[in-house]
C-alpha atoms as a PDB file:
ATOM      1  CA  MET A   1      34.942 172.527 115.469  1.00  0.00           C
ATOM      2  CA  LYS A   2      33.086 173.745 118.545  1.00  0.00           C
ATOM      3  CA  THR A   3      31.197 176.942 119.305  1.00  0.00           C
ATOM      4  CA  ASP A   4      30.675 177.599 122.996  1.00  0.00           C
ATOM      5  CA  LEU A   5      27.410 179.479 123.596  1.00  0.00           C
ATOM      6  CA  SER A   6      27.138 178.730 127.304  1.00  0.00           C
ATOM      7  CA  ALA A   7      27.929 182.325 128.281  1.00  0.00           C
ATOM      8  CA  VAL A   8      25.197 183.889 126.138  1.00  0.00           C
ATOM      9  CA  ARG A   9      22.686 185.498 128.480  1.00  0.00           C
ATOM     10  CA  LYS A  10      19.714 187.814 128.228  1.00  0.00           C
ATOM     11  CA  SER A  11      17.481 189.221 130.919  1.00  0.00           C
ATOM     12  CA  TYR A  12      13.776 189.361 130.070  1.00  0.00           C
ATOM     13  CA  ASP A  13      12.084 192.250 131.814  1.00  0.00           C
ATOM     14  CA  LYS A  14       9.960 194.233 129.328  1.00  0.00           C
ATOM     15  CA  HIS A  15       6.478 192.876 130.042  1.00  0.00           C
ATOM     16  CA  ALA A  16       4.402 190.626 132.258  1.00  0.00           C
ATOM     17  CA  LEU A  17       1.443 188.358 131.503  1.00  0.00           C
ATOM     18  CA  THR A  18      -0.633 188.064 134.653  1.00  0.00           C
ATOM     19  CA  SER A  19      -4.079 186.530 134.954  1.00  0.00           C
ATOM     20  CA  ASP A  20      -5.856 189.894 134.847  1.00  0.00           C
ATOM     21  CA  LEU A  21      -4.556 190.399 131.279  1.00  0.00           C
ATOM     22  CA  LEU A  22      -6.024 187.149 129.948  1.00  0.00           C
ATOM     23  CA  PRO A  23      -9.298 187.031 127.970  1.00  0.00           C
ATOM     24  CA  SER A  24     -11.612 184.021 127.968  1.00  0.00           C
ATOM     25  CA  GLY A  25     -10.227 182.734 124.667  1.00  0.00           C
ATOM     26  CA  PRO A  26      -6.835 182.923 122.922  1.00  0.00           C
ATOM     27  CA  ALA A  27      -7.809 184.717 119.709  1.00  0.00           C
ATOM     28  CA  GLU A  28      -8.311 188.090 121.391  1.00  0.00           C
ATOM     29  CA  LEU A  29      -4.905 187.969 123.077  1.00  0.00           C
ATOM     30  CA  LEU A  30      -3.190 186.743 119.912  1.00  0.00           C
ATOM     31  CA  VAL A  31      -4.617 189.655 117.904  1.00  0.00           C
ATOM     32  CA  ARG A  32      -3.515 192.043 120.651  1.00  0.00           C
ATOM     33  CA  TRP A  33       0.023 190.665 120.563  1.00  0.00           C
ATOM     34  CA  PHE A  34       0.021 190.812 116.758  1.00  0.00           C
ATOM     35  CA  ASN A  35      -0.848 194.503 116.844  1.00  0.00           C
ATOM     36  CA  GLU A  36       1.833 195.235 119.415  1.00  0.00           C
ATOM     37  CA  ALA A  37       4.403 193.257 117.393  1.00  0.00           C
ATOM     38  CA  ARG A  38       3.424 195.207 114.278  1.00  0.00           C
ATOM     39  CA  GLU A  39       4.313 198.451 116.046  1.00  0.00           C
ATOM     40  CA  VAL A  40       7.879 197.344 116.806  1.00  0.00           C
ATOM     41  CA  ASN A  41       8.541 195.323 113.617  1.00  0.00           C
ATOM     42  CA  PRO A  42       6.051 196.113 110.851  1.00  0.00           C
ATOM     43  CA  ASP A  43       7.878 194.008 108.241  1.00  0.00           C
ATOM     44  CA  GLU A  44       8.115 190.575 109.871  1.00  0.00           C
ATOM     45  CA  PHE A  45       5.645 190.524 112.744  1.00  0.00           C
ATOM     46  CA  ASN A  46       3.443 187.910 110.996  1.00  0.00           C
ATOM     47  CA  ALA A  47       6.239 185.406 110.357  1.00  0.00           C
ATOM     48  CA  MET A  48       5.581 182.000 111.903  1.00  0.00           C
ATOM     49  CA  CYS A  49       7.204 178.584 111.897  1.00  0.00           C
ATOM     50  CA  LEU A  50       4.880 175.940 110.454  1.00  0.00           C
ATOM     51  CA  SER A  51       5.704 172.428 111.688  1.00  0.00           C
ATOM     52  CA  THR A  52       4.354 169.326 109.969  1.00  0.00           C
ATOM     53  CA  VAL A  53       5.059 165.591 110.047  1.00  0.00           C
ATOM     54  CA  GLY A  54       5.883 163.638 106.902  1.00  0.00           C
ATOM     55  CA  ALA A  55       4.852 160.120 105.924  1.00  0.00           C
ATOM     56  CA  ASP A  56       8.228 158.941 107.272  1.00  0.00           C
ATOM     57  CA  GLY A  57       7.261 160.188 110.735  1.00  0.00           C
ATOM     58  CA  LEU A  58       9.932 162.876 110.742  1.00  0.00           C
ATOM     59  CA  PRO A  59       9.057 166.448 111.727  1.00  0.00           C
ATOM     60  CA  ASP A  60       9.555 169.234 109.221  1.00  0.00           C
ATOM     61  CA  ALA A  61       9.458 172.994 109.755  1.00  0.00           C
ATOM     62  CA  ARG A  62       9.686 176.195 107.776  1.00  0.00           C
ATOM     63  CA  MET A  63       8.803 179.876 108.056  1.00  0.00           C
ATOM     64  CA  VAL A  64       5.592 181.122 106.438  1.00  0.00           C
ATOM     65  CA  LEU A  65       3.508 184.281 106.810  1.00  0.00           C
ATOM     66  CA  ALA A  66       0.206 184.445 108.670  1.00  0.00           C
ATOM     67  CA  LYS A  67      -2.297 186.409 106.611  1.00  0.00           C
ATOM     68  CA  ASP A  68      -5.460 186.407 108.708  1.00  0.00           C
ATOM     69  CA  ILE A  69      -6.888 185.430 112.077  1.00  0.00           C
ATOM     70  CA  GLU A  70     -10.559 184.610 111.734  1.00  0.00           C
ATOM     71  CA  GLU A  71     -12.950 182.693 113.993  1.00  0.00           C
ATOM     72  CA  GLU A  72     -10.123 181.160 116.033  1.00  0.00           C
ATOM     73  CA  SER A  73      -8.171 180.018 112.984  1.00  0.00           C
ATOM     74  CA  ILE A  74      -4.965 181.292 111.399  1.00  0.00           C
ATOM     75  CA  HIS A  75      -4.714 181.536 107.608  1.00  0.00           C
ATOM     76  CA  PHE A  76      -1.673 181.227 105.356  1.00  0.00           C
ATOM     77  CA  TYR A  77      -1.156 180.578 101.649  1.00  0.00           C
ATOM     78  CA  THR A  78       1.125 178.304  99.669  1.00  0.00           C
ATOM     79  CA  ASN A  79       1.503 175.952  96.712  1.00  0.00           C
ATOM     80  CA  TYR A  80      -0.790 172.911  97.018  1.00  0.00           C
ATOM     81  CA  CYS A  81       1.964 170.717  95.520  1.00  0.00           C
ATOM     82  CA  SER A  82       4.688 171.792  97.946  1.00  0.00           C
ATOM     83  CA  ASN A  83       6.221 169.411 100.467  1.00  0.00           C
ATOM     84  CA  LYS A  84       4.300 171.003 103.328  1.00  0.00           C
ATOM     85  CA  ALA A  85       1.006 170.716 101.448  1.00  0.00           C
ATOM     86  CA  VAL A  86       1.625 167.022 100.759  1.00  0.00           C
ATOM     87  CA  GLN A  87       2.488 166.468 104.437  1.00  0.00           C
ATOM     88  CA  MET A  88      -0.625 168.318 105.597  1.00  0.00           C
ATOM     89  CA  GLU A  89      -2.761 166.207 103.281  1.00  0.00           C
ATOM     90  CA  GLN A  90      -1.310 163.071 104.879  1.00  0.00           C
ATOM     91  CA  ASN A  91      -1.471 164.404 108.435  1.00  0.00           C
ATOM     92  CA  PRO A  92      -3.529 167.553 109.103  1.00  0.00           C
ATOM     93  CA  ALA A  93      -2.186 167.957 112.657  1.00  0.00           C
ATOM     94  CA  VAL A  94       0.242 170.899 112.620  1.00  0.00           C
ATOM     95  CA  ALA A  95       1.958 173.345 114.950  1.00  0.00           C
ATOM     96  CA  LEU A  96       2.702 177.051 114.576  1.00  0.00           C
ATOM     97  CA  THR A  97       5.286 179.080 116.480  1.00  0.00           C
ATOM     98  CA  PHE A  98       5.487 182.867 116.636  1.00  0.00           C
ATOM     99  CA  PHE A  99       8.496 184.578 118.194  1.00  0.00           C
ATOM    100  CA  TRP A 100       8.762 188.304 118.784  1.00  0.00           C
ATOM    101  CA  PRO A 101      12.200 188.913 120.374  1.00  0.00           C
ATOM    102  CA  GLU A 102      11.630 192.670 120.566  1.00  0.00           C
ATOM    103  CA  LEU A 103       8.742 192.012 122.955  1.00  0.00           C
ATOM    104  CA  GLU A 104      10.287 188.893 124.558  1.00  0.00           C
ATOM    105  CA  ARG A 105       7.222 186.877 123.556  1.00  0.00           C
ATOM    106  CA  GLN A 106       6.441 183.524 122.004  1.00  0.00           C
ATOM    107  CA  VAL A 107       3.165 181.873 121.015  1.00  0.00           C
ATOM    108  CA  ARG A 108       2.781 178.173 120.240  1.00  0.00           C
ATOM    109  CA  VAL A 109      -0.312 176.841 118.465  1.00  0.00           C
ATOM    110  CA  GLN A 110      -1.435 173.258 117.875  1.00  0.00           C
ATOM    111  CA  GLY A 111      -4.382 172.404 115.685  1.00  0.00           C
ATOM    112  CA  ARG A 112      -5.696 170.831 112.530  1.00  0.00           C
ATOM    113  CA  VAL A 113      -5.428 172.390 109.105  1.00  0.00           C
ATOM    114  CA  GLU A 114      -7.791 172.451 106.146  1.00  0.00           C
ATOM    115  CA  LYS A 115      -7.997 174.373 102.893  1.00  0.00           C
ATOM    116  CA  VAL A 116      -9.942 177.634 102.942  1.00  0.00           C
ATOM    117  CA  PRO A 117     -12.815 178.003 100.442  1.00  0.00           C
ATOM    118  CA  GLY A 118     -11.773 178.803  96.881  1.00  0.00           C
ATOM    119  CA  ALA A 119     -13.442 182.202  97.020  1.00  0.00           C
ATOM    120  CA  VAL A 120     -11.262 183.169 100.008  1.00  0.00           C
ATOM    121  CA  SER A 121      -8.111 182.121  98.157  1.00  0.00           C
ATOM    122  CA  ASP A 122      -9.288 183.989  95.051  1.00  0.00           C
ATOM    123  CA  ALA A 123      -9.808 187.190  97.032  1.00  0.00           C
ATOM    124  CA  TYR A 124      -6.411 187.022  98.670  1.00  0.00           C
ATOM    125  CA  PHE A 125      -4.649 186.173  95.395  1.00  0.00           C
ATOM    126  CA  ALA A 126      -6.298 189.177  93.758  1.00  0.00           C
ATOM    127  CA  SER A 127      -4.873 191.415  96.490  1.00  0.00           C
ATOM    128  CA  ARG A 128      -1.277 190.326  95.849  1.00  0.00           C
ATOM    129  CA  PRO A 129       1.151 192.392  93.761  1.00  0.00           C
ATOM    130  CA  ARG A 130       1.221 191.326  90.129  1.00  0.00           C
ATOM    131  CA  GLU A 131       4.838 190.170  90.482  1.00  0.00           C
ATOM    132  CA  SER A 132       3.824 187.809  93.292  1.00  0.00           C
ATOM    133  CA  GLN A 133       0.949 186.488  91.198  1.00  0.00           C
ATOM    134  CA  ILE A 134       3.367 185.738  88.376  1.00  0.00           C
ATOM    135  CA  GLY A 135       5.698 184.046  90.850  1.00  0.00           C
ATOM    136  CA  ALA A 136       2.913 181.707  91.972  1.00  0.00           C
ATOM    137  CA  TRP A 137       2.428 180.606  88.365  1.00  0.00           C
ATOM    138  CA  SER A 138       6.173 180.257  87.749  1.00  0.00           C
ATOM    139  CA  SER A 139       7.336 178.017  90.603  1.00  0.00           C
ATOM    140  CA  ASP A 140       6.782 174.290  91.119  1.00  0.00           C
ATOM    141  CA  GLN A 141       7.471 174.758  94.793  1.00  0.00           C
ATOM    142  CA  SER A 142       9.705 172.159  96.479  1.00  0.00           C
ATOM    143  CA  ARG A 143      10.482 170.426  93.157  1.00  0.00           C
ATOM    144  CA  PRO A 144      14.082 170.291  91.864  1.00  0.00           C
ATOM    145  CA  LEU A 145      14.937 173.010  89.354  1.00  0.00           C
ATOM    146  CA  PRO A 146      15.842 171.324  86.033  1.00  0.00           C
ATOM    147  CA  PRO A 147      19.436 171.952  84.877  1.00  0.00           C
ATOM    148  CA  GLY A 148      19.799 174.845  82.493  1.00  0.00           C
ATOM    149  CA  THR A 149      16.608 176.569  83.610  1.00  0.00           C
ATOM    150  CA  SER A 150      16.014 179.535  85.903  1.00  0.00           C
ATOM    151  CA  LEU A 151      13.057 180.840  87.828  1.00  0.00           C
ATOM    152  CA  GLU A 152      13.666 184.269  86.335  1.00  0.00           C
ATOM    153  CA  ALA A 153      13.264 182.854  82.814  1.00  0.00           C
ATOM    154  CA  ARG A 154      10.077 181.077  83.827  1.00  0.00           C
ATOM    155  CA  ALA A 155       8.722 184.279  85.351  1.00  0.00           C
ATOM    156  CA  GLU A 156       9.474 186.150  82.144  1.00  0.00           C
ATOM    157  CA  GLU A 157       7.547 183.557  80.143  1.00  0.00           C
ATOM    158  CA  VAL A 158       4.571 183.790  82.502  1.00  0.00           C
ATOM    159  CA  ALA A 159       4.672 187.601  82.377  1.00  0.00           C
ATOM    160  CA  LYS A 160       4.518 187.467  78.580  1.00  0.00           C
ATOM    161  CA  ARG A 161       1.620 185.012  78.710  1.00  0.00           C
ATOM    162  CA  PHE A 162      -0.378 187.397  80.890  1.00  0.00           C
ATOM    163  CA  ALA A 163       0.888 190.611  79.295  1.00  0.00           C
ATOM    164  CA  ASP A 164      -2.494 191.455  77.799  1.00  0.00           C
ATOM    165  CA  VAL A 165      -4.483 190.186  80.794  1.00  0.00           C
ATOM    166  CA  GLU A 166      -5.602 192.803  83.285  1.00  0.00           C
ATOM    167  CA  THR A 167      -6.546 190.347  86.046  1.00  0.00           C
ATOM    168  CA  ILE A 168      -4.394 187.248  86.586  1.00  0.00           C
ATOM    169  CA  THR A 169      -6.472 184.372  87.903  1.00  0.00           C
ATOM    170  CA  ARG A 170      -5.326 182.210  90.802  1.00  0.00           C
ATOM    171  CA  PRO A 171      -3.413 179.068  89.778  1.00  0.00           C
ATOM    172  CA  PRO A 172      -5.319 175.859  90.607  1.00  0.00           C
ATOM    173  CA  HIS A 173      -2.240 174.614  92.471  1.00  0.00           C
ATOM    174  CA  TRP A 174      -2.101 177.589  94.857  1.00  0.00           C
ATOM    175  CA  GLY A 175      -4.317 178.686  97.744  1.00  0.00           C
ATOM    176  CA  GLY A 176      -4.932 179.070 101.425  1.00  0.00           C
ATOM    177  CA  TYR A 177      -5.063 176.961 104.553  1.00  0.00           C
ATOM    178  CA  ALA A 178      -6.709 177.585 107.905  1.00  0.00           C
ATOM    179  CA  VAL A 179      -5.214 176.204 111.112  1.00  0.00           C
ATOM    180  CA  ARG A 180      -7.964 175.728 113.704  1.00  0.00           C
ATOM    181  CA  MET A 181      -6.517 176.662 117.081  1.00  0.00           C
ATOM    182  CA  ASP A 182      -7.001 173.802 119.547  1.00  0.00           C
ATOM    183  CA  VAL A 183      -4.119 174.489 121.937  1.00  0.00           C
ATOM    184  CA  VAL A 184      -2.491 177.911 122.291  1.00  0.00           C
ATOM    185  CA  GLU A 185       0.334 178.693 124.695  1.00  0.00           C
ATOM    186  CA  PHE A 186       1.478 182.245 125.421  1.00  0.00           C
ATOM    187  CA  TRP A 187       4.998 182.786 126.755  1.00  0.00           C
ATOM    188  CA  GLN A 188       6.203 186.090 128.181  1.00  0.00           C
ATOM    189  CA  GLY A 189       9.851 186.389 129.149  1.00  0.00           C
ATOM    190  CA  ARG A 190      10.485 187.413 132.757  1.00  0.00           C
ATOM    191  CA  PRO A 191      13.535 188.129 134.941  1.00  0.00           C
ATOM    192  CA  SER A 192      15.447 185.221 136.513  1.00  0.00           C
ATOM    193  CA  ARG A 193      13.881 182.854 133.952  1.00  0.00           C
ATOM    194  CA  LEU A 194      10.596 182.955 135.900  1.00  0.00           C
ATOM    195  CA  HIS A 195       8.699 183.316 132.662  1.00  0.00           C
ATOM    196  CA  HIS A 196       4.924 183.632 132.484  1.00  0.00           C
ATOM    197  CA  ARG A 197       3.307 180.750 130.563  1.00  0.00           C
ATOM    198  CA  TRP A 198      -0.415 180.308 129.984  1.00  0.00           C
ATOM    199  CA  ARG A 199      -2.012 177.465 128.048  1.00  0.00           C
ATOM    200  CA  TYR A 200      -5.469 177.585 126.450  1.00  0.00           C
ATOM    201  CA  GLU A 201      -7.026 174.253 125.444  1.00  0.00           C
ATOM    202  CA  ARG A 202     -10.230 173.916 123.484  1.00  0.00           C
ATOM    203  CA  ALA A 203     -13.004 172.087 125.356  1.00  0.00           C
ATOM    204  CA  ALA A 204     -16.618 171.198 124.573  1.00  0.00           C
ATOM    205  CA  SER A 205     -17.863 174.186 126.560  1.00  0.00           C
ATOM    206  CA  GLY A 206     -15.258 176.704 125.424  1.00  0.00           C
ATOM    207  CA  TRP A 207     -11.664 177.111 126.543  1.00  0.00           C
ATOM    208  CA  THR A 208      -9.791 175.931 129.610  1.00  0.00           C
ATOM    209  CA  LEU A 209      -6.867 177.993 130.863  1.00  0.00           C
ATOM    210  CA  ARG A 210      -4.021 177.070 133.131  1.00  0.00           C
ATOM    211  CA  ALA A 211      -0.675 178.501 134.175  1.00  0.00           C
ATOM    212  CA  LEU A 212       2.439 176.481 133.379  1.00  0.00           C
ATOM    213  CA  GLN A 213       5.766 176.520 135.158  1.00  0.00           C
ATOM    214  CA  PRO A 214       8.609 177.872 133.029  1.00  0.00           C
END
């Protein structure tokens, strides 16, 4: 079976990214693009692909949600026992990819990841809907689901356990990570595939910036 996609074409002509639009560091521009993406797609603008490398040397990737940009780091939350958490423990070098097709934009981030302080994870967990808090307690993320069991049944058991509890505490196996931005590349689609690409790299004295050919 073959699917021929060679004729699929799209012209990119909505925006430009010229040098006069670039701040001294990437965080300011990333926040700006986040806000503009939120305006056109308020539901999924913070979705990003998290790429890790396992102990076998093979790359792995999945979509997660960015929850904060603070001091040139990007925060997200997950189960500390999940496959991605195990991989990040073994190799803290990760990559993030944002893609906003409505704006014809992509951002690629490389950096090292570490857990955020417990108090930060506690505060974010407390802000989640109660159903999401129960879900965090119910799922052994990435582990096989035993035959004859269901996540819904587990969630019901957890809900009963916390029925008389006003504030559900954060599970010890769940919390946040911060990816420190070391390399950030901004891509803006342009006509005739002459896309605008700019690469920030962290240096001892700040950030270096260079234009890349598309």
